Amino acid sequence: PPPTTTTGKVALVTGSNKGIGKEIVRKLLAAEEEEPITVILACRNPQLGKAAIKELCAETKNTNNILKLYELDLTKKETIDAAKVKIEETYGKLDILINNAAICFNDATLYGKVPHTPFEKQADVTIQTNFFGTLYVTETMLPLLQKSTLSGGIIPRIINVASSAGRLSILAKSPERIEQFTSSQFKLNDLKDSMKQFVSDVESGVHEERKWPNTCYGMSKVGIIAMTKIFARTYPDICITSVDPGFCATDQNNNQGYILAERGAVTPFLLATVPDEDASNLSGRHFYEEREIPWSYGQL
């Protein structure tokens, strides 16, 4: 059957059954836009997703916007492919993609909840999930985002939730690498090769002598910010930004953060809903608390 013609916008938020992702969904659901928004809450555990949907639907006052649940796991390409097919068949386009899902190995001695994973075992799963998983979601959804422009002349959005853990200064031991990652000539294949090299060097026990940082999560977020800038150069008709939500209290850090997840959701939400005339010159930039900040965080 032909896709339902959606009068409003369609937004997909990954990893959104809890934490910052759920707060972004909550804000989109409450948004008083000129046209309704269909918000797709995407997460890897449908049971947890159903609980989040129930909670959000019970509290929303806005009856214009619609909330849907999709299964999407960054480590399972078939769930990403299935989500794309479902969006295409149901709506024919996607207007907003918010890449929020990520994993983080935390110090088990600090939180005491999970067995400790040695550093050399963290690299592959962290980079495969946070970087390559997010990249696969983005590349899979790109044709639907491009259809958004055709359907209504609007500027589609990709918002990548990053972190100060991915600040450029973590690459400070290698000025050449900083130059490479910040070059306008840096291509997606170069970035993919670098991320694979990091994993390989960590697993071989040579990452320090090769001047890589001692953080797999941080390196995955360096990759996300670099990817944002590469995609912004490659797809000028889409507004593609990265956001540092701040150190929010979430399950990921056992609620050690000092910022509410609701506060961390503000900038991603604003970037998703800012008017087209303002969105056109935001692409490729990195944001924190509603303003652009340098990728160096002033530390280089």
C-alpha atoms as a PDB file:
ATOM      1  CA  PRO A   1       0.000   0.000   0.000  1.00  0.00           C
ATOM      2  CA  PRO A   2       1.160   3.571  -0.605  1.00  0.00           C
ATOM      3  CA  PRO A   3       2.426   5.399   2.487  1.00  0.00           C
ATOM      4  CA  THR A   4      -0.014   7.407   4.516  1.00  0.00           C
ATOM      5  CA  THR A   5       0.444  11.042   3.656  1.00  0.00           C
ATOM      6  CA  THR A   6       1.488  12.569   6.925  1.00  0.00           C
ATOM      7  CA  THR A   7       0.451  16.172   7.279  1.00  0.00           C
ATOM      8  CA  GLY A   8       2.947  16.705  10.066  1.00  0.00           C
ATOM      9  CA  LYS A   9       6.549  15.901  10.838  1.00  0.00           C
ATOM     10  CA  VAL A  10       7.957  12.494  11.710  1.00  0.00           C
ATOM     11  CA  ALA A  11      10.723  12.274  14.343  1.00  0.00           C
ATOM     12  CA  LEU A  12      12.768   9.212  15.328  1.00  0.00           C
ATOM     13  CA  VAL A  13      14.607   9.227  18.679  1.00  0.00           C
ATOM     14  CA  THR A  14      16.913   6.271  19.394  1.00  0.00           C
ATOM     15  CA  GLY A  15      17.528   4.883  22.877  1.00  0.00           C
ATOM     16  CA  SER A  16      14.520   6.787  24.122  1.00  0.00           C
ATOM     17  CA  ASN A  17      12.806   4.534  26.661  1.00  0.00           C
ATOM     18  CA  LYS A  18      14.744   6.291  29.453  1.00  0.00           C
ATOM     19  CA  GLY A  19      17.192   9.058  30.308  1.00  0.00           C
ATOM     20  CA  ILE A  20      17.866  11.942  27.947  1.00  0.00           C
ATOM     21  CA  GLY A  21      16.166  10.156  25.034  1.00  0.00           C
ATOM     22  CA  LYS A  22      12.885   9.839  26.920  1.00  0.00           C
ATOM     23  CA  GLU A  23      13.048  13.504  27.930  1.00  0.00           C
ATOM     24  CA  ILE A  24      13.557  14.518  24.271  1.00  0.00           C
ATOM     25  CA  VAL A  25      10.497  12.442  23.337  1.00  0.00           C
ATOM     26  CA  ARG A  26       8.533  14.083  26.164  1.00  0.00           C
ATOM     27  CA  LYS A  27       9.403  17.558  24.848  1.00  0.00           C
ATOM     28  CA  LEU A  28       8.571  16.677  21.237  1.00  0.00           C
ATOM     29  CA  LEU A  29       5.262  15.184  22.344  1.00  0.00           C
ATOM     30  CA  ALA A  30       4.375  18.376  24.206  1.00  0.00           C
ATOM     31  CA  ALA A  31       5.537  20.695  21.381  1.00  0.00           C
ATOM     32  CA  GLU A  32       2.960  23.156  20.123  1.00  0.00           C
ATOM     33  CA  GLU A  33       3.994  23.188  16.480  1.00  0.00           C
ATOM     34  CA  GLU A  34       2.024  24.491  13.496  1.00  0.00           C
ATOM     35  CA  GLU A  35       1.686  20.905  12.320  1.00  0.00           C
ATOM     36  CA  PRO A  36       1.468  17.719  14.381  1.00  0.00           C
ATOM     37  CA  ILE A  37       4.570  15.616  15.114  1.00  0.00           C
ATOM     38  CA  THR A  38       4.611  11.832  15.031  1.00  0.00           C
ATOM     39  CA  VAL A  39       7.306  10.862  17.548  1.00  0.00           C
ATOM     40  CA  ILE A  40       8.833   7.405  17.227  1.00  0.00           C
ATOM     41  CA  LEU A  41      10.251   6.194  20.530  1.00  0.00           C
ATOM     42  CA  ALA A  42      12.899   3.687  19.419  1.00  0.00           C
ATOM     43  CA  CYS A  43      14.661   1.354  21.847  1.00  0.00           C
ATOM     44  CA  ARG A  44      16.151  -2.118  22.002  1.00  0.00           C
ATOM     45  CA  ASN A  45      13.800  -3.472  24.689  1.00  0.00           C
ATOM     46  CA  PRO A  46      10.134  -3.261  23.601  1.00  0.00           C
ATOM     47  CA  GLN A  47       8.867  -4.034  27.132  1.00  0.00           C
ATOM     48  CA  LEU A  48      10.717  -1.045  28.584  1.00  0.00           C
ATOM     49  CA  GLY A  49       9.532   0.972  25.587  1.00  0.00           C
ATOM     50  CA  LYS A  50       5.890   0.098  26.303  1.00  0.00           C
ATOM     51  CA  ALA A  51       6.277   1.242  29.915  1.00  0.00           C
ATOM     52  CA  ALA A  52       7.756   4.569  28.736  1.00  0.00           C
ATOM     53  CA  ILE A  53       4.964   5.026  26.172  1.00  0.00           C
ATOM     54  CA  LYS A  54       2.327   4.397  28.833  1.00  0.00           C
ATOM     55  CA  GLU A  55       3.898   6.970  31.160  1.00  0.00           C
ATOM     56  CA  LEU A  56       4.311   9.624  28.441  1.00  0.00           C
ATOM     57  CA  CYS A  57       0.819   9.157  27.000  1.00  0.00           C
ATOM     58  CA  ALA A  58      -0.758   9.377  30.463  1.00  0.00           C
ATOM     59  CA  GLU A  59       0.780  12.781  31.152  1.00  0.00           C
ATOM     60  CA  THR A  60       0.648  14.548  27.780  1.00  0.00           C
ATOM     61  CA  LYS A  61      -1.853  17.366  27.380  1.00  0.00           C
ATOM     62  CA  ASN A  62      -1.186  17.761  23.670  1.00  0.00           C
ATOM     63  CA  THR A  63      -3.559  15.610  21.620  1.00  0.00           C
ATOM     64  CA  ASN A  64      -2.201  16.767  18.223  1.00  0.00           C
ATOM     65  CA  ASN A  65       1.040  14.794  18.419  1.00  0.00           C
ATOM     66  CA  ILE A  66       1.294  11.030  18.088  1.00  0.00           C
ATOM     67  CA  LEU A  67       3.633   8.608  19.870  1.00  0.00           C
ATOM     68  CA  LYS A  68       4.769   5.294  18.348  1.00  0.00           C
ATOM     69  CA  LEU A  69       7.083   2.526  19.592  1.00  0.00           C
ATOM     70  CA  TYR A  70       9.703   0.864  17.358  1.00  0.00           C
ATOM     71  CA  GLU A  71      12.311  -1.705  18.267  1.00  0.00           C
ATOM     72  CA  LEU A  72      15.791  -0.490  17.290  1.00  0.00           C
ATOM     73  CA  ASP A  73      19.091  -1.895  18.538  1.00  0.00           C
ATOM     74  CA  LEU A  74      22.364  -0.303  17.405  1.00  0.00           C
ATOM     75  CA  THR A  75      24.014  -3.739  17.434  1.00  0.00           C
ATOM     76  CA  LYS A  76      21.325  -5.426  15.296  1.00  0.00           C
ATOM     77  CA  LYS A  77      21.212  -4.124  11.734  1.00  0.00           C
ATOM     78  CA  GLU A  78      18.014  -6.052  11.023  1.00  0.00           C
ATOM     79  CA  THR A  79      16.115  -3.895  13.580  1.00  0.00           C
ATOM     80  CA  ILE A  80      17.429  -0.721  11.920  1.00  0.00           C
ATOM     81  CA  ASP A  81      16.498  -1.981   8.452  1.00  0.00           C
ATOM     82  CA  ALA A  82      13.024  -2.990   9.683  1.00  0.00           C
ATOM     83  CA  ALA A  83      12.477   0.457  11.252  1.00  0.00           C
ATOM     84  CA  LYS A  84      13.394   2.120   7.962  1.00  0.00           C
ATOM     85  CA  VAL A  85      10.953  -0.060   5.995  1.00  0.00           C
ATOM     86  CA  LYS A  86       8.187   0.609   8.515  1.00  0.00           C
ATOM     87  CA  ILE A  87       8.737   4.392   8.441  1.00  0.00           C
ATOM     88  CA  GLU A  88       8.848   4.387   4.639  1.00  0.00           C
ATOM     89  CA  GLU A  89       5.677   2.305   4.296  1.00  0.00           C
ATOM     90  CA  THR A  90       3.769   4.220   6.961  1.00  0.00           C
ATOM     91  CA  TYR A  91       4.914   7.814   6.470  1.00  0.00           C
ATOM     92  CA  GLY A  92       6.976   7.925   3.278  1.00  0.00           C
ATOM     93  CA  LYS A  93       9.611  10.176   4.887  1.00  0.00           C
ATOM     94  CA  LEU A  94      11.485  11.121   8.050  1.00  0.00           C
ATOM     95  CA  ASP A  95      11.966  14.746   9.117  1.00  0.00           C
ATOM     96  CA  ILE A  96      13.966  14.494  12.342  1.00  0.00           C
ATOM     97  CA  LEU A  97      16.520  11.876  13.409  1.00  0.00           C
ATOM     98  CA  ILE A  98      17.920  12.135  16.932  1.00  0.00           C
ATOM     99  CA  ASN A  99      20.777   9.691  17.479  1.00  0.00           C
ATOM    100  CA  ASN A 100      20.736   9.381  21.250  1.00  0.00           C
ATOM    101  CA  ALA A 101      21.359   5.665  21.903  1.00  0.00           C
ATOM    102  CA  ALA A 102      24.796   4.717  23.252  1.00  0.00           C
ATOM    103  CA  ILE A 103      26.493   2.411  25.735  1.00  0.00           C
ATOM    104  CA  CYS A 104      29.202   3.207  28.256  1.00  0.00           C
ATOM    105  CA  PHE A 105      31.391   0.936  30.364  1.00  0.00           C
ATOM    106  CA  ASN A 106      31.691   2.539  33.756  1.00  0.00           C
ATOM    107  CA  ASP A 107      34.133   1.766  36.522  1.00  0.00           C
ATOM    108  CA  ALA A 108      32.660  -1.319  38.183  1.00  0.00           C
ATOM    109  CA  THR A 109      34.425  -0.495  41.425  1.00  0.00           C
ATOM    110  CA  LEU A 110      32.623   2.833  41.470  1.00  0.00           C
ATOM    111  CA  TYR A 111      29.134   1.498  40.784  1.00  0.00           C
ATOM    112  CA  GLY A 112      29.470  -2.134  41.834  1.00  0.00           C
ATOM    113  CA  LYS A 113      26.619  -3.243  39.597  1.00  0.00           C
ATOM    114  CA  VAL A 114      28.343  -5.017  36.722  1.00  0.00           C
ATOM    115  CA  PRO A 115      31.396  -7.240  36.456  1.00  0.00           C
ATOM    116  CA  HIS A 116      34.440  -5.231  35.466  1.00  0.00           C
ATOM    117  CA  THR A 117      35.250  -5.345  31.744  1.00  0.00           C
ATOM    118  CA  PRO A 118      38.967  -4.979  30.942  1.00  0.00           C
ATOM    119  CA  PHE A 119      39.795  -1.959  28.789  1.00  0.00           C
ATOM    120  CA  GLU A 120      40.985  -4.045  25.823  1.00  0.00           C
ATOM    121  CA  LYS A 121      37.580  -5.779  25.774  1.00  0.00           C
ATOM    122  CA  GLN A 122      35.636  -2.501  25.894  1.00  0.00           C
ATOM    123  CA  ALA A 123      36.948  -0.997  22.654  1.00  0.00           C
ATOM    124  CA  ASP A 124      35.249  -3.130  20.012  1.00  0.00           C
ATOM    125  CA  VAL A 125      31.768  -3.208  21.549  1.00  0.00           C
ATOM    126  CA  THR A 126      31.859   0.531  22.412  1.00  0.00           C
ATOM    127  CA  ILE A 127      33.011   1.664  18.956  1.00  0.00           C
ATOM    128  CA  GLN A 128      30.823  -0.845  17.097  1.00  0.00           C
ATOM    129  CA  THR A 129      27.735   0.262  19.047  1.00  0.00           C
ATOM    130  CA  ASN A 130      28.182   3.981  19.559  1.00  0.00           C
ATOM    131  CA  PHE A 131      30.002   4.867  16.344  1.00  0.00           C
ATOM    132  CA  PHE A 132      29.306   2.228  13.690  1.00  0.00           C
ATOM    133  CA  GLY A 133      25.772   1.553  14.988  1.00  0.00           C
ATOM    134  CA  THR A 134      24.894   5.253  14.895  1.00  0.00           C
ATOM    135  CA  LEU A 135      26.531   5.580  11.481  1.00  0.00           C
ATOM    136  CA  TYR A 136      24.416   2.685  10.178  1.00  0.00           C
ATOM    137  CA  VAL A 137      21.204   4.267  11.512  1.00  0.00           C
ATOM    138  CA  THR A 138      22.133   7.579   9.876  1.00  0.00           C
ATOM    139  CA  GLU A 139      23.031   6.080   6.493  1.00  0.00           C
ATOM    140  CA  THR A 140      19.912   3.874   6.534  1.00  0.00           C
ATOM    141  CA  MET A 141      17.582   6.796   7.323  1.00  0.00           C
ATOM    142  CA  LEU A 142      19.238   9.304   4.954  1.00  0.00           C
ATOM    143  CA  PRO A 143      17.016   8.500   1.935  1.00  0.00           C
ATOM    144  CA  LEU A 144      13.927   9.099   4.117  1.00  0.00           C
ATOM    145  CA  LEU A 145      15.351  12.386   5.403  1.00  0.00           C
ATOM    146  CA  GLN A 146      16.017  13.459   1.807  1.00  0.00           C
ATOM    147  CA  LYS A 147      12.370  12.694   1.005  1.00  0.00           C
ATOM    148  CA  SER A 148      11.403  15.121   3.770  1.00  0.00           C
ATOM    149  CA  THR A 149      12.828  17.998   1.730  1.00  0.00           C
ATOM    150  CA  LEU A 150      10.958  16.880  -1.370  1.00  0.00           C
ATOM    151  CA  SER A 151       7.648  16.439   0.458  1.00  0.00           C
ATOM    152  CA  GLY A 152       7.400  19.833   2.079  1.00  0.00           C
ATOM    153  CA  GLY A 153      10.445  21.922   1.277  1.00  0.00           C
ATOM    154  CA  ILE A 154      11.533  21.754   4.912  1.00  0.00           C
ATOM    155  CA  ILE A 155      15.061  21.300   6.209  1.00  0.00           C
ATOM    156  CA  PRO A 156      15.355  17.828   7.754  1.00  0.00           C
ATOM    157  CA  ARG A 157      17.393  17.463  10.954  1.00  0.00           C
ATOM    158  CA  ILE A 158      19.942  15.011  12.282  1.00  0.00           C
ATOM    159  CA  ILE A 159      20.931  15.642  15.899  1.00  0.00           C
ATOM    160  CA  ASN A 160      23.752  13.495  17.271  1.00  0.00           C
ATOM    161  CA  VAL A 161      23.944  13.345  21.049  1.00  0.00           C
ATOM    162  CA  ALA A 162      27.659  13.520  21.859  1.00  0.00           C
ATOM    163  CA  SER A 163      29.522  14.301  25.087  1.00  0.00           C
ATOM    164  CA  SER A 164      32.337  16.406  26.479  1.00  0.00           C
ATOM    165  CA  ALA A 165      34.099  13.017  26.724  1.00  0.00           C
ATOM    166  CA  GLY A 166      34.571  13.417  22.954  1.00  0.00           C
ATOM    167  CA  ARG A 167      36.343  16.788  23.169  1.00  0.00           C
ATOM    168  CA  LEU A 168      39.324  17.191  20.833  1.00  0.00           C
ATOM    169  CA  SER A 169      41.771  17.541  23.711  1.00  0.00           C
ATOM    170  CA  ILE A 170      41.606  13.783  24.387  1.00  0.00           C
ATOM    171  CA  LEU A 171      43.657  13.471  21.176  1.00  0.00           C
ATOM    172  CA  ALA A 172      46.233  15.977  22.483  1.00  0.00           C
ATOM    173  CA  LYS A 173      49.123  13.478  22.494  1.00  0.00           C
ATOM    174  CA  SER A 174      48.945  13.470  18.703  1.00  0.00           C
ATOM    175  CA  PRO A 175      48.694  16.934  17.094  1.00  0.00           C
ATOM    176  CA  GLU A 176      48.760  15.177  13.692  1.00  0.00           C
ATOM    177  CA  ARG A 177      45.620  13.265  14.584  1.00  0.00           C
ATOM    178  CA  ILE A 178      43.860  16.447  15.720  1.00  0.00           C
ATOM    179  CA  GLU A 179      44.801  18.050  12.415  1.00  0.00           C
ATOM    180  CA  GLN A 180      43.466  15.024  10.556  1.00  0.00           C
ATOM    181  CA  PHE A 181      40.154  14.876  12.434  1.00  0.00           C
ATOM    182  CA  THR A 182      39.508  18.616  12.027  1.00  0.00           C
ATOM    183  CA  SER A 183      40.520  18.847   8.361  1.00  0.00           C
ATOM    184  CA  SER A 184      37.816  19.713   5.842  1.00  0.00           C
ATOM    185  CA  GLN A 185      39.426  17.022   3.664  1.00  0.00           C
ATOM    186  CA  PHE A 186      38.705  14.315   6.289  1.00  0.00           C
ATOM    187  CA  LYS A 187      36.329  11.843   4.613  1.00  0.00           C
ATOM    188  CA  LEU A 188      33.959   9.270   6.077  1.00  0.00           C
ATOM    189  CA  ASN A 189      36.181   6.370   4.983  1.00  0.00           C
ATOM    190  CA  ASP A 190      39.164   8.029   6.704  1.00  0.00           C
ATOM    191  CA  LEU A 191      37.118   8.310   9.900  1.00  0.00           C
ATOM    192  CA  LYS A 192      35.959   4.687   9.706  1.00  0.00           C
ATOM    193  CA  ASP A 193      39.558   3.552   9.210  1.00  0.00           C
ATOM    194  CA  SER A 194      40.691   5.609  12.218  1.00  0.00           C
ATOM    195  CA  MET A 195      37.983   4.153  14.462  1.00  0.00           C
ATOM    196  CA  LYS A 196      38.903   0.607  13.395  1.00  0.00           C
ATOM    197  CA  GLN A 197      42.595   1.387  14.002  1.00  0.00           C
ATOM    198  CA  PHE A 198      41.834   2.592  17.527  1.00  0.00           C
ATOM    199  CA  VAL A 199      40.042  -0.697  18.308  1.00  0.00           C
ATOM    200  CA  SER A 200      42.844  -2.734  16.796  1.00  0.00           C
ATOM    201  CA  ASP A 201      45.529  -0.824  18.727  1.00  0.00           C
ATOM    202  CA  VAL A 202      43.635  -1.152  22.020  1.00  0.00           C
ATOM    203  CA  GLU A 203      43.164  -4.881  21.485  1.00  0.00           C
ATOM    204  CA  SER A 204      46.868  -5.261  20.630  1.00  0.00           C
ATOM    205  CA  GLY A 205      47.904  -3.318  23.731  1.00  0.00           C
ATOM    206  CA  VAL A 206      49.685  -0.592  21.727  1.00  0.00           C
ATOM    207  CA  HIS A 207      47.142   2.243  21.869  1.00  0.00           C
ATOM    208  CA  GLU A 208      49.181   4.328  24.321  1.00  0.00           C
ATOM    209  CA  GLU A 209      52.379   4.201  22.321  1.00  0.00           C
ATOM    210  CA  ARG A 210      50.311   5.069  19.235  1.00  0.00           C
ATOM    211  CA  LYS A 211      49.072   8.130  21.151  1.00  0.00           C
ATOM    212  CA  TRP A 212      45.395   7.198  21.377  1.00  0.00           C
ATOM    213  CA  PRO A 213      43.359   8.277  24.441  1.00  0.00           C
ATOM    214  CA  ASN A 214      42.599   5.944  27.351  1.00  0.00           C
ATOM    215  CA  THR A 215      38.840   6.136  26.848  1.00  0.00           C
ATOM    216  CA  CYS A 216      36.738   3.998  24.527  1.00  0.00           C
ATOM    217  CA  TYR A 217      33.570   5.979  25.248  1.00  0.00           C
ATOM    218  CA  GLY A 218      35.387   9.273  24.632  1.00  0.00           C
ATOM    219  CA  MET A 219      36.825   7.963  21.373  1.00  0.00           C
ATOM    220  CA  SER A 220      33.368   6.826  20.234  1.00  0.00           C
ATOM    221  CA  LYS A 221      32.087  10.369  20.836  1.00  0.00           C
ATOM    222  CA  VAL A 222      35.072  11.932  19.020  1.00  0.00           C
ATOM    223  CA  GLY A 223      33.887   9.764  16.136  1.00  0.00           C
ATOM    224  CA  ILE A 224      30.298  11.025  16.484  1.00  0.00           C
ATOM    225  CA  ILE A 225      31.346  14.699  16.414  1.00  0.00           C
ATOM    226  CA  ALA A 226      33.706  14.113  13.462  1.00  0.00           C
ATOM    227  CA  MET A 227      30.932  12.209  11.657  1.00  0.00           C
ATOM    228  CA  THR A 228      28.560  15.138  12.241  1.00  0.00           C
ATOM    229  CA  LYS A 229      30.962  17.535  10.529  1.00  0.00           C
ATOM    230  CA  ILE A 230      31.631  15.157   7.609  1.00  0.00           C
ATOM    231  CA  PHE A 231      27.912  14.586   6.996  1.00  0.00           C
ATOM    232  CA  ALA A 232      27.216  18.323   7.244  1.00  0.00           C
ATOM    233  CA  ARG A 233      29.767  18.924   4.463  1.00  0.00           C
ATOM    234  CA  THR A 234      28.370  16.064   2.370  1.00  0.00           C
ATOM    235  CA  TYR A 235      24.636  16.788   2.723  1.00  0.00           C
ATOM    236  CA  PRO A 236      24.153  20.576   2.668  1.00  0.00           C
ATOM    237  CA  ASP A 237      20.343  20.260   2.417  1.00  0.00           C
ATOM    238  CA  ILE A 238      20.116  18.644   5.881  1.00  0.00           C
ATOM    239  CA  CYS A 239      20.820  20.411   9.184  1.00  0.00           C
ATOM    240  CA  ILE A 240      23.226  18.061  10.989  1.00  0.00           C
ATOM    241  CA  THR A 241      24.432  19.006  14.467  1.00  0.00           C
ATOM    242  CA  SER A 242      26.029  17.431  17.538  1.00  0.00           C
ATOM    243  CA  VAL A 243      25.084  18.201  21.131  1.00  0.00           C
ATOM    244  CA  ASP A 244      26.789  17.760  24.465  1.00  0.00           C
ATOM    245  CA  PRO A 245      23.839  17.346  26.867  1.00  0.00           C
ATOM    246  CA  GLY A 246      26.068  17.816  29.914  1.00  0.00           C
ATOM    247  CA  PHE A 247      26.781  15.333  32.704  1.00  0.00           C
ATOM    248  CA  CYS A 248      23.193  14.258  33.268  1.00  0.00           C
ATOM    249  CA  ALA A 249      21.999  11.942  36.008  1.00  0.00           C
ATOM    250  CA  THR A 250      21.008   8.800  34.066  1.00  0.00           C
ATOM    251  CA  ASP A 251      21.247   5.027  34.367  1.00  0.00           C
ATOM    252  CA  GLN A 252      24.381   5.202  32.218  1.00  0.00           C
ATOM    253  CA  ASN A 253      26.336   6.788  35.085  1.00  0.00           C
ATOM    254  CA  ASN A 254      24.266   5.324  37.946  1.00  0.00           C
ATOM    255  CA  ASN A 255      22.725   8.796  38.388  1.00  0.00           C
ATOM    256  CA  GLN A 256      26.073  10.311  39.365  1.00  0.00           C
ATOM    257  CA  GLY A 257      25.495  13.265  37.013  1.00  0.00           C
ATOM    258  CA  TYR A 258      24.619  16.664  38.404  1.00  0.00           C
ATOM    259  CA  ILE A 259      22.328  17.820  35.570  1.00  0.00           C
ATOM    260  CA  LEU A 260      18.751  16.557  35.199  1.00  0.00           C
ATOM    261  CA  ALA A 261      18.118  14.527  32.041  1.00  0.00           C
ATOM    262  CA  GLU A 262      15.274  16.951  31.342  1.00  0.00           C
ATOM    263  CA  ARG A 263      17.831  19.801  31.148  1.00  0.00           C
ATOM    264  CA  GLY A 264      20.085  17.740  28.885  1.00  0.00           C
ATOM    265  CA  ALA A 265      17.172  17.272  26.464  1.00  0.00           C
ATOM    266  CA  VAL A 266      16.592  21.013  25.933  1.00  0.00           C
ATOM    267  CA  THR A 267      19.223  21.687  23.256  1.00  0.00           C
ATOM    268  CA  PRO A 268      18.499  18.550  21.173  1.00  0.00           C
ATOM    269  CA  PHE A 269      14.796  19.434  21.281  1.00  0.00           C
ATOM    270  CA  LEU A 270      15.432  23.044  20.217  1.00  0.00           C
ATOM    271  CA  LEU A 271      17.678  21.951  17.341  1.00  0.00           C
ATOM    272  CA  ALA A 272      14.921  19.575  16.195  1.00  0.00           C
ATOM    273  CA  THR A 273      12.256  22.290  16.210  1.00  0.00           C
ATOM    274  CA  VAL A 274      14.112  25.524  15.382  1.00  0.00           C
ATOM    275  CA  PRO A 275      12.518  27.227  12.328  1.00  0.00           C
ATOM    276  CA  ASP A 276      13.995  26.384   8.931  1.00  0.00           C
ATOM    277  CA  GLU A 277      15.322  29.890   8.380  1.00  0.00           C
ATOM    278  CA  ASP A 278      17.439  29.529  11.528  1.00  0.00           C
ATOM    279  CA  ALA A 279      18.385  25.876  10.935  1.00  0.00           C
ATOM    280  CA  SER A 280      20.036  26.518   7.586  1.00  0.00           C
ATOM    281  CA  ASN A 281      23.211  27.987   9.110  1.00  0.00           C
ATOM    282  CA  LEU A 282      23.552  25.665  12.134  1.00  0.00           C
ATOM    283  CA  SER A 283      24.731  22.557  10.323  1.00  0.00           C
ATOM    284  CA  GLY A 284      28.107  21.074  11.256  1.00  0.00           C
ATOM    285  CA  ARG A 285      28.228  22.852  14.603  1.00  0.00           C
ATOM    286  CA  HIS A 286      28.574  21.471  18.130  1.00  0.00           C
ATOM    287  CA  PHE A 287      26.272  22.731  20.902  1.00  0.00           C
ATOM    288  CA  TYR A 288      26.089  22.838  24.688  1.00  0.00           C
ATOM    289  CA  GLU A 289      23.344  24.542  26.696  1.00  0.00           C
ATOM    290  CA  GLU A 290      21.727  26.293  23.712  1.00  0.00           C
ATOM    291  CA  ARG A 291      24.908  27.730  22.261  1.00  0.00           C
ATOM    292  CA  GLU A 292      27.657  26.662  19.934  1.00  0.00           C
ATOM    293  CA  ILE A 293      30.904  25.682  21.599  1.00  0.00           C
ATOM    294  CA  PRO A 294      34.242  24.780  20.036  1.00  0.00           C
ATOM    295  CA  TRP A 295      35.065  21.094  19.755  1.00  0.00           C
ATOM    296  CA  SER A 296      38.273  21.863  21.672  1.00  0.00           C
ATOM    297  CA  TYR A 297      36.224  23.037  24.706  1.00  0.00           C
ATOM    298  CA  GLY A 298      38.913  25.732  25.008  1.00  0.00           C
ATOM    299  CA  GLN A 299      41.440  23.124  26.144  1.00  0.00           C
ATOM    300  CA  LEU A 300      43.844  23.177  23.181  1.00  0.00           C
END
